Amino acid sequence: MNRKEQKLTVDETVIQRLKSGNPLLHKEDFEATNHALTEGDVIHITDDRGKFVARAYYGKQNVGIGWVLSLDEREDINPSFFQNKIEEAVRLRKRSYDDEETTAFRVFNGEGDGIGGLTIDRYNHHYVVTFFSEGIYTFKDWVIESLLTLDDVTGIYEKKRFATDGKYTGEDDFVAGTPAEFPMLVKESGMHFAVNLNDGPMTGIFLDQREVRKRIRDHYAYDKHVLNLFSYTGAFSVAAALGGATKTTSVDLANRSLEKTEEQFLVNGIPTDDQNIVVMDVFRYMSYAKKKSLNFDVVVVDPPSFARSKKKTFRAAKDYRAMLEEVIAITSANGVIVASTNASNVSLKKFKGFVQDAFQNSNQAYELLETRGVPEDFKTSGAYPAGNYLKVLFIQKK
């Protein structure tokens, strides 16, 4: 069963970009063709002589209008294509599947595994499929059928990140198999985290920060007071407490962060009385801490790329440097700042520039201790640098 294909022509500049391995399609790539496309259309891309270049699908995301699926003219886009891609991705994660200390990880990472706009995460034996456009969602049945052939699948949930009004649809995310009971406890480097796969667009933990949490627990937290800004459900705080932190302070604006953070501490056997959980705008809290002369030995700052409160709008590309200056002011001498961003429009070089400028403006010296990115299960392609979106810097204030 193959889909009907739309034939479109591109110029030599686009051809070279696609052949180099960069799979993202842009609106301007097809402007000269004046051809109407529908979400989910398979695109047969040719040069101006009609010679095959690639097969792709049309699906509008915030980063483009679709993704190349194959540079092989003999390869059709059908259920077997999806089955083979998913099976290969599973084979590449054998180390993750065999790791008894970690039961939540990424199985399929979009363009890194050959299908942009699609991710698949495993939580114990339940899988979460995230579709980032209406276009890739038209292939849903092929994706679900492929997953159901895996030996260890108990149930499947879906997330649709393409609501036209910019909001999550909120419907039941269960798709196939046997539903899970929530909260579900998963393991990560021996730590426990409570997740809910059927409660909005997020599950309760960001899997791409796994290595960062482990580093904080194993190398930075012992005998330290750790401040966790934009704390969400407090996973960094839990890691710090398990690493021997004397105290943690978790700050997030969302009201539910209090209950969710308490839950994460309790499932790890950590009394919440010893921890400080603050529901407050992060910028307001930093002003409060500075006014009260509060200082912290380790500060973890992991803001969303874009955030808005009643009084402030934060954009990582524009505002991260100024925010770091506020963080520096409440970090103890020789303290460590764990600065993180998932903004794909901020390169590692640019991010390091934010750090340099912030310390210079604060008249403080610093040392860059280590740099982290996405873990190995978040497979990326060197031809598409934006896919390696996570930048985490461990910085010591001198």
Protein backbone atom coordinates (compact mmCIF):
# COMPACT_ATOMS: atom_id res chain seq x y z
CA MET A 1 0.00 0.00 0.00
CA ASN A 2 1.74 3.12 -1.26
CA ARG A 3 0.49 6.67 -1.07
CA LYS A 4 -0.16 8.80 -4.10
CA GLU A 5 2.79 11.11 -4.68
CA GLN A 6 2.93 14.78 -5.56
CA LYS A 7 5.79 15.56 -7.96
CA LEU A 8 7.62 18.79 -7.25
CA THR A 9 10.76 20.35 -8.68
CA VAL A 10 13.50 22.08 -6.67
CA ASP A 11 16.56 24.06 -7.68
CA GLU A 12 20.20 23.05 -7.37
CA THR A 13 20.73 24.80 -4.01
CA VAL A 14 17.95 22.76 -2.41
CA ILE A 15 19.20 19.57 -4.09
CA GLN A 16 22.66 19.96 -2.62
CA ARG A 17 21.25 20.64 0.85
CA LEU A 18 19.06 17.56 0.75
CA LYS A 19 21.80 15.32 -0.64
CA SER A 20 24.14 16.48 2.12
CA GLY A 21 21.75 14.87 4.59
CA ASN A 22 19.83 17.90 5.86
CA PRO A 23 16.24 16.58 5.80
CA LEU A 24 14.20 19.68 6.62
CA LEU A 25 12.03 21.22 3.91
CA HIS A 26 11.23 24.94 3.86
CA LYS A 27 8.31 26.81 2.30
CA GLU A 28 10.59 28.67 -0.08
CA ASP A 29 11.95 25.37 -1.46
CA PHE A 30 8.74 24.95 -3.47
CA GLU A 31 7.58 28.51 -4.06
CA ALA A 32 8.46 28.34 -7.78
CA THR A 33 6.28 25.26 -8.32
CA ASN A 34 3.00 26.93 -7.31
CA HIS A 35 1.63 23.52 -6.33
CA ALA A 36 -0.98 23.07 -3.61
CA LEU A 37 0.05 20.55 -0.94
CA THR A 38 -2.05 18.81 1.70
CA GLU A 39 -0.84 17.68 5.11
CA GLY A 40 0.57 14.17 4.81
CA ASP A 41 1.21 14.28 1.05
CA VAL A 42 4.21 12.23 -0.06
CA ILE A 43 6.38 14.48 -2.21
CA HIS A 44 8.41 13.08 -5.12
CA ILE A 45 11.18 15.67 -5.42
CA THR A 46 13.00 16.05 -8.77
CA ASP A 47 15.49 18.37 -10.42
CA ASP A 48 14.55 20.53 -13.41
CA ARG A 49 15.23 17.60 -15.75
CA GLY A 50 12.85 15.33 -13.89
CA LYS A 51 15.59 13.28 -12.20
CA PHE A 52 14.71 11.86 -8.78
CA VAL A 53 16.18 13.63 -5.76
CA ALA A 54 14.22 12.49 -2.70
CA ARG A 55 10.89 11.40 -1.22
CA ALA A 56 9.49 13.49 1.60
CA TYR A 57 6.23 14.25 3.34
CA TYR A 58 4.45 17.55 3.78
CA GLY A 59 3.73 18.59 7.36
CA LYS A 60 3.92 22.13 8.74
CA GLN A 61 5.84 22.60 12.00
CA ASN A 62 7.34 25.67 13.59
CA VAL A 63 10.70 24.74 12.01
CA GLY A 64 9.61 23.95 8.43
CA ILE A 65 7.00 22.37 6.17
CA GLY A 66 8.12 18.74 6.01
CA TRP A 67 10.91 16.20 6.08
CA VAL A 68 12.84 14.08 3.61
CA LEU A 69 12.20 10.38 4.20
CA SER A 70 14.44 8.75 1.60
CA LEU A 71 17.10 9.57 -0.99
CA ASP A 72 16.66 6.14 -2.58
CA GLU A 73 14.32 6.14 -5.59
CA ARG A 74 13.60 2.43 -5.08
CA GLU A 75 12.35 2.98 -1.52
CA ASP A 76 8.59 3.50 -1.30
CA ILE A 77 6.86 5.20 1.62
CA ASN A 78 4.57 2.46 2.93
CA PRO A 79 3.96 0.49 6.15
CA SER A 80 7.17 -1.51 5.65
CA PHE A 81 9.18 1.71 5.50
CA PHE A 82 7.92 2.74 8.95
CA GLN A 83 8.32 -0.79 10.31
CA ASN A 84 11.95 -0.96 9.19
CA LYS A 85 12.83 2.47 10.57
CA ILE A 86 11.31 1.70 13.98
CA GLU A 87 12.89 -1.76 14.19
CA GLU A 88 16.31 -0.31 13.35
CA ALA A 89 15.87 2.38 16.01
CA VAL A 90 15.01 -0.29 18.59
CA ARG A 91 18.13 -2.28 17.64
CA LEU A 92 20.27 0.80 18.14
CA ARG A 93 18.86 1.20 21.68
CA LYS A 94 19.84 -2.30 22.84
CA ARG A 95 22.04 -0.82 25.56
CA SER A 96 19.11 1.20 26.85
CA TYR A 97 16.77 -1.79 26.81
CA ASP A 98 19.34 -3.87 28.71
CA ASP A 99 19.95 -1.22 31.39
CA GLU A 100 18.01 -2.36 34.46
CA GLU A 101 18.73 0.92 36.26
CA THR A 102 16.94 3.05 33.62
CA THR A 103 13.48 2.16 32.32
CA ALA A 104 12.52 5.45 30.62
CA PHE A 105 14.33 6.53 27.46
CA ARG A 106 13.86 7.60 23.85
CA VAL A 107 13.32 4.85 21.28
CA PHE A 108 12.92 6.97 18.14
CA ASN A 109 14.25 10.49 17.74
CA GLY A 110 12.72 12.14 14.69
CA GLU A 111 15.07 12.98 11.84
CA GLY A 112 17.96 11.33 13.70
CA ASP A 113 16.25 8.00 13.10
CA GLY A 114 14.98 8.89 9.63
CA ILE A 115 11.48 10.32 10.15
CA GLY A 116 11.37 13.97 11.16
CA GLY A 117 8.43 15.18 13.23
CA LEU A 118 8.02 11.86 15.08
CA THR A 119 9.38 10.78 18.46
CA ILE A 120 8.74 7.64 20.49
CA ASP A 121 9.59 7.28 24.19
CA ARG A 122 9.46 4.18 26.36
CA TYR A 123 8.28 4.28 29.98
CA ASN A 124 8.68 0.78 31.41
CA HIS A 125 6.68 -1.20 28.84
CA HIS A 126 4.43 1.63 27.71
CA TYR A 127 5.29 3.78 24.71
CA VAL A 128 4.49 7.44 24.03
CA VAL A 129 4.37 8.52 20.39
CA THR A 130 4.56 12.27 19.77
CA PHE A 131 3.43 13.71 16.43
CA PHE A 132 4.65 17.23 15.67
CA SER A 133 2.46 18.01 12.64
CA GLU A 134 -0.84 17.07 11.09
CA GLY A 135 1.19 15.68 8.22
CA ILE A 136 3.05 13.03 10.21
CA TYR A 137 -0.15 12.24 12.11
CA THR A 138 -1.69 10.97 8.88
CA PHE A 139 0.82 8.09 9.16
CA LYS A 140 -0.38 7.24 12.68
CA ASP A 141 -1.80 3.81 11.84
CA TRP A 142 1.47 2.67 10.28
CA VAL A 143 3.41 3.84 13.35
CA ILE A 144 1.10 2.16 15.85
CA GLU A 145 0.98 -1.09 13.86
CA SER A 146 4.79 -1.15 13.77
CA LEU A 147 5.05 -0.64 17.53
CA LEU A 148 2.54 -3.37 18.28
CA THR A 149 4.89 -5.90 16.67
CA LEU A 150 7.56 -5.23 19.33
CA ASP A 151 7.87 -7.93 21.99
CA ASP A 152 7.77 -5.70 25.08
CA VAL A 153 4.90 -3.30 24.31
CA THR A 154 2.12 -3.28 26.91
CA GLY A 155 0.34 -0.10 25.85
CA ILE A 156 0.70 2.93 23.58
CA TYR A 157 -0.13 6.60 24.18
CA GLU A 158 0.03 9.50 21.75
CA LYS A 159 0.76 13.22 22.01
CA LYS A 160 -0.32 15.62 19.27
CA ARG A 161 1.81 18.76 19.32
CA PHE A 162 0.13 20.56 16.46
CA ALA A 163 -3.12 22.04 17.79
CA THR A 164 -4.11 24.88 15.46
CA ASP A 165 -4.87 27.21 18.37
CA GLY A 166 -1.44 26.57 19.89
CA LYS A 167 -2.92 24.65 22.81
CA TYR A 168 -2.85 20.99 23.67
CA THR A 169 -6.08 19.26 22.72
CA GLY A 170 -6.44 17.53 26.10
CA GLU A 171 -8.27 14.42 24.95
CA ASP A 172 -7.50 10.88 26.15
CA ASP A 173 -4.05 9.95 24.87
CA PHE A 174 -4.41 6.17 25.19
CA VAL A 175 -4.25 4.47 21.78
CA ALA A 176 -3.68 0.70 21.96
CA GLY A 177 -2.81 -2.25 24.18
CA THR A 178 -3.46 -2.14 27.93
CA PRO A 179 -3.75 1.21 29.76
CA ALA A 180 -1.26 1.93 32.53
CA GLU A 181 -2.06 2.91 36.10
CA PHE A 182 -0.84 6.35 37.13
CA PRO A 183 1.28 7.58 38.63
CA MET A 184 3.66 5.11 37.01
CA LEU A 185 7.09 4.74 38.59
CA VAL A 186 10.04 4.60 36.22
CA LYS A 187 13.73 4.26 37.01
CA GLU A 188 16.53 6.51 35.83
CA SER A 189 20.11 5.75 36.87
CA GLY A 190 18.61 4.06 39.92
CA MET A 191 16.44 7.04 40.84
CA HIS A 192 12.65 6.80 40.78
CA PHE A 193 10.30 9.22 39.07
CA ALA A 194 6.51 9.32 38.93
CA VAL A 195 5.06 9.91 35.47
CA ASN A 196 1.61 10.21 33.95
CA LEU A 197 1.33 9.44 30.24
CA ASN A 198 -2.26 10.63 29.99
CA ASP A 199 -2.14 14.10 31.52
CA GLY A 200 -1.48 16.72 28.86
CA PRO A 201 1.49 17.26 26.58
CA MET A 202 4.20 16.36 29.13
CA THR A 203 4.70 13.30 31.29
CA GLY A 204 6.38 14.65 34.42
CA ILE A 205 10.03 14.25 33.45
CA PHE A 206 12.24 15.44 30.59
CA LEU A 207 14.14 12.38 29.39
CA ASP A 208 16.82 14.39 27.58
CA GLN A 209 18.21 15.67 30.92
CA ARG A 210 19.00 12.18 32.24
CA GLU A 211 22.80 12.52 32.11
CA VAL A 212 22.67 16.00 33.67
CA ARG A 213 20.65 14.72 36.63
CA LYS A 214 23.13 11.90 37.13
CA ARG A 215 26.10 14.31 37.06
CA ILE A 216 24.43 16.57 39.62
CA ARG A 217 23.73 13.60 41.90
CA ASP A 218 27.15 11.98 41.55
CA HIS A 219 29.51 14.98 41.34
CA TYR A 220 27.99 18.31 42.38
CA ALA A 221 25.34 17.96 45.08
CA TYR A 222 27.07 16.53 48.16
CA ASP A 223 26.90 18.86 51.18
CA LYS A 224 25.51 21.69 49.02
CA HIS A 225 22.40 23.88 49.05
CA VAL A 226 20.95 23.47 45.56
CA LEU A 227 18.57 25.93 43.91
CA ASN A 228 16.45 24.55 41.07
CA LEU A 229 14.85 27.28 38.94
CA PHE A 230 11.98 26.51 36.54
CA SER A 231 11.82 23.27 38.51
CA TYR A 232 8.70 21.70 36.90
CA THR A 233 8.29 18.49 38.95
CA GLY A 234 11.60 18.84 40.79
CA ALA A 235 13.63 16.08 39.10
CA PHE A 236 16.92 17.99 39.43
CA SER A 237 16.13 18.59 43.10
CA VAL A 238 15.51 14.89 43.68
CA ALA A 239 18.83 14.04 42.03
CA ALA A 240 20.59 16.60 44.23
CA ALA A 241 18.96 15.28 47.41
CA LEU A 242 19.93 11.72 46.53
CA GLY A 243 23.46 12.99 45.96
CA GLY A 244 23.71 14.28 49.51
CA ALA A 245 22.63 17.91 49.19
CA THR A 246 22.04 19.49 52.59
CA LYS A 247 18.96 21.25 51.20
CA THR A 248 17.18 21.88 47.93
CA THR A 249 15.02 24.82 46.91
CA SER A 250 12.72 24.29 43.93
CA VAL A 251 11.03 27.29 42.28
CA ASP A 252 8.33 27.20 39.61
CA LEU A 253 5.34 29.39 38.78
CA ALA A 254 2.87 26.54 38.16
CA ASN A 255 0.63 25.77 41.13
CA ARG A 256 0.76 22.03 40.47
CA SER A 257 4.57 22.04 40.80
CA LEU A 258 4.21 21.85 44.59
CA GLU A 259 2.21 18.62 44.58
CA LYS A 260 4.21 17.08 41.75
CA THR A 261 7.57 17.90 43.34
CA GLU A 262 6.50 16.51 46.70
CA GLU A 263 5.46 13.32 44.90
CA GLN A 264 8.90 12.93 43.28
CA PHE A 265 10.64 13.31 46.63
CA LEU A 266 8.33 10.85 48.35
CA VAL A 267 8.70 8.07 45.76
CA ASN A 268 12.43 8.25 46.47
CA GLY A 269 11.96 8.07 50.23
CA ILE A 270 13.02 11.68 50.80
CA PRO A 271 11.08 13.60 53.50
CA THR A 272 9.64 16.77 52.03
CA ASP A 273 10.09 18.66 55.32
CA ASP A 274 13.79 18.90 54.52
CA GLN A 275 13.16 20.52 51.15
CA ASN A 276 11.95 23.98 50.16
CA ILE A 277 9.35 24.05 47.37
CA VAL A 278 8.32 27.54 46.25
CA VAL A 279 5.46 28.38 43.89
CA MET A 280 6.52 31.75 42.55
CA ASP A 281 7.64 33.50 39.39
CA VAL A 282 11.35 32.66 39.05
CA PHE A 283 12.41 36.24 38.34
CA ARG A 284 10.50 37.49 41.36
CA TYR A 285 12.16 34.80 43.48
CA MET A 286 15.65 35.80 42.30
CA SER A 287 14.92 39.41 43.26
CA TYR A 288 13.69 38.20 46.66
CA ALA A 289 16.81 36.04 47.18
CA LYS A 290 19.12 38.92 46.28
CA LYS A 291 17.26 41.29 48.61
CA LYS A 292 17.53 38.77 51.46
CA SER A 293 21.21 38.05 50.68
CA LEU A 294 20.46 34.37 49.98
CA ASN A 295 23.24 32.47 48.25
CA PHE A 296 23.29 28.96 46.82
CA ASP A 297 26.14 26.52 46.23
CA VAL A 298 24.60 25.04 43.07
CA VAL A 299 22.01 26.72 40.87
CA VAL A 300 20.26 24.78 38.12
CA VAL A 301 18.54 27.02 35.58
CA ASP A 302 16.62 25.26 32.82
CA PRO A 303 13.99 27.66 31.44
CA PRO A 304 11.68 26.91 28.51
CA SER A 305 12.67 28.55 25.22
CA PHE A 306 9.66 30.81 25.66
CA ALA A 307 7.77 31.62 28.84
CA ARG A 308 5.25 34.26 29.85
CA SER A 309 4.05 35.34 33.26
CA LYS A 310 1.76 38.25 34.15
CA LYS A 311 4.64 40.70 34.26
CA LYS A 312 7.40 39.23 32.11
CA THR A 313 8.00 37.47 28.81
CA PHE A 314 11.14 35.35 28.48
CA ARG A 315 12.75 34.36 25.18
CA ALA A 316 15.92 32.33 25.48
CA ALA A 317 17.62 33.85 22.44
CA LYS A 318 16.96 37.38 23.71
CA ASP A 319 16.83 37.20 27.50
CA TYR A 320 19.06 34.34 28.71
CA ARG A 321 22.15 36.53 29.24
CA ALA A 322 20.30 39.00 31.47
CA MET A 323 18.75 36.13 33.44
CA LEU A 324 22.22 34.64 34.01
CA GLU A 325 23.36 37.92 35.54
CA GLU A 326 20.61 37.54 38.13
CA VAL A 327 21.64 33.92 38.75
CA ILE A 328 25.29 34.90 39.21
CA ALA A 329 24.27 37.41 41.90
CA ILE A 330 22.78 34.67 44.11
CA THR A 331 25.47 32.03 43.51
CA SER A 332 28.09 31.57 46.21
CA ALA A 333 31.77 32.10 45.53
CA ASN A 334 33.12 28.88 43.95
CA GLY A 335 29.50 27.81 43.45
CA VAL A 336 28.37 26.02 40.31
CA ILE A 337 25.72 27.16 37.84
CA VAL A 338 24.15 24.48 35.66
CA ALA A 339 22.87 26.55 32.75
CA SER A 340 20.65 24.76 30.24
CA THR A 341 18.68 25.67 27.14
CA ASN A 342 16.71 23.62 24.63
CA ALA A 343 16.34 26.54 22.21
CA SER A 344 17.33 25.24 18.78
CA ASN A 345 17.91 28.81 17.57
CA VAL A 346 20.69 29.27 20.16
CA SER A 347 23.91 27.58 19.08
CA LEU A 348 26.44 26.28 21.59
CA LYS A 349 28.82 29.06 20.58
CA LYS A 350 26.12 31.68 21.12
CA PHE A 351 25.16 30.12 24.45
CA LYS A 352 28.75 30.24 25.67
CA GLY A 353 28.77 33.88 24.56
CA PHE A 354 25.79 34.57 26.84
CA VAL A 355 27.78 33.12 29.73
CA GLN A 356 30.89 35.16 28.94
CA ASP A 357 28.91 38.40 28.63
CA ALA A 358 26.91 37.75 31.82
CA PHE A 359 30.02 37.15 33.93
CA GLN A 360 31.81 40.11 32.37
CA ASN A 361 28.84 42.39 33.09
CA SER A 362 28.81 41.05 36.66
CA ASN A 363 32.57 41.65 37.10
CA GLN A 364 33.01 38.01 38.00
CA ALA A 365 35.46 35.38 36.80
CA TYR A 366 34.34 31.87 35.94
CA GLU A 367 35.51 28.49 34.72
CA LEU A 368 33.61 26.27 32.31
CA LEU A 369 33.77 22.84 33.93
CA GLU A 370 31.91 20.70 31.40
CA THR A 371 29.46 20.75 28.51
CA ARG A 372 26.58 18.33 27.96
CA GLY A 373 24.07 17.73 25.17
CA VAL A 374 21.38 15.19 24.43
CA PRO A 375 22.04 11.59 25.60
CA GLU A 376 22.87 8.87 23.07
CA ASP A 377 19.29 7.59 22.79
CA PHE A 378 18.37 11.02 21.36
CA LYS A 379 20.06 10.17 18.07
CA THR A 380 20.97 13.17 15.91
CA SER A 381 22.37 13.82 12.46
CA GLY A 382 25.49 15.89 11.90
CA ALA A 383 23.89 17.23 8.72
CA TYR A 384 21.09 18.78 10.78
CA PRO A 385 22.73 20.56 13.75
CA ALA A 386 19.44 22.00 15.02
CA GLY A 387 18.42 18.47 16.02
CA ASN A 388 21.14 18.53 18.67
CA TYR A 389 19.17 21.21 20.49
CA LEU A 390 20.16 20.72 24.14
CA LYS A 391 23.06 22.73 25.54
CA VAL A 392 24.03 22.37 29.21
CA LEU A 393 27.03 24.17 30.73
CA PHE A 394 28.46 23.50 34.18
CA ILE A 395 30.05 26.79 35.24
CA GLN A 396 32.01 27.58 38.40
CA LYS A 397 31.85 31.11 39.71
CA LYS A 398 35.30 32.23 40.86
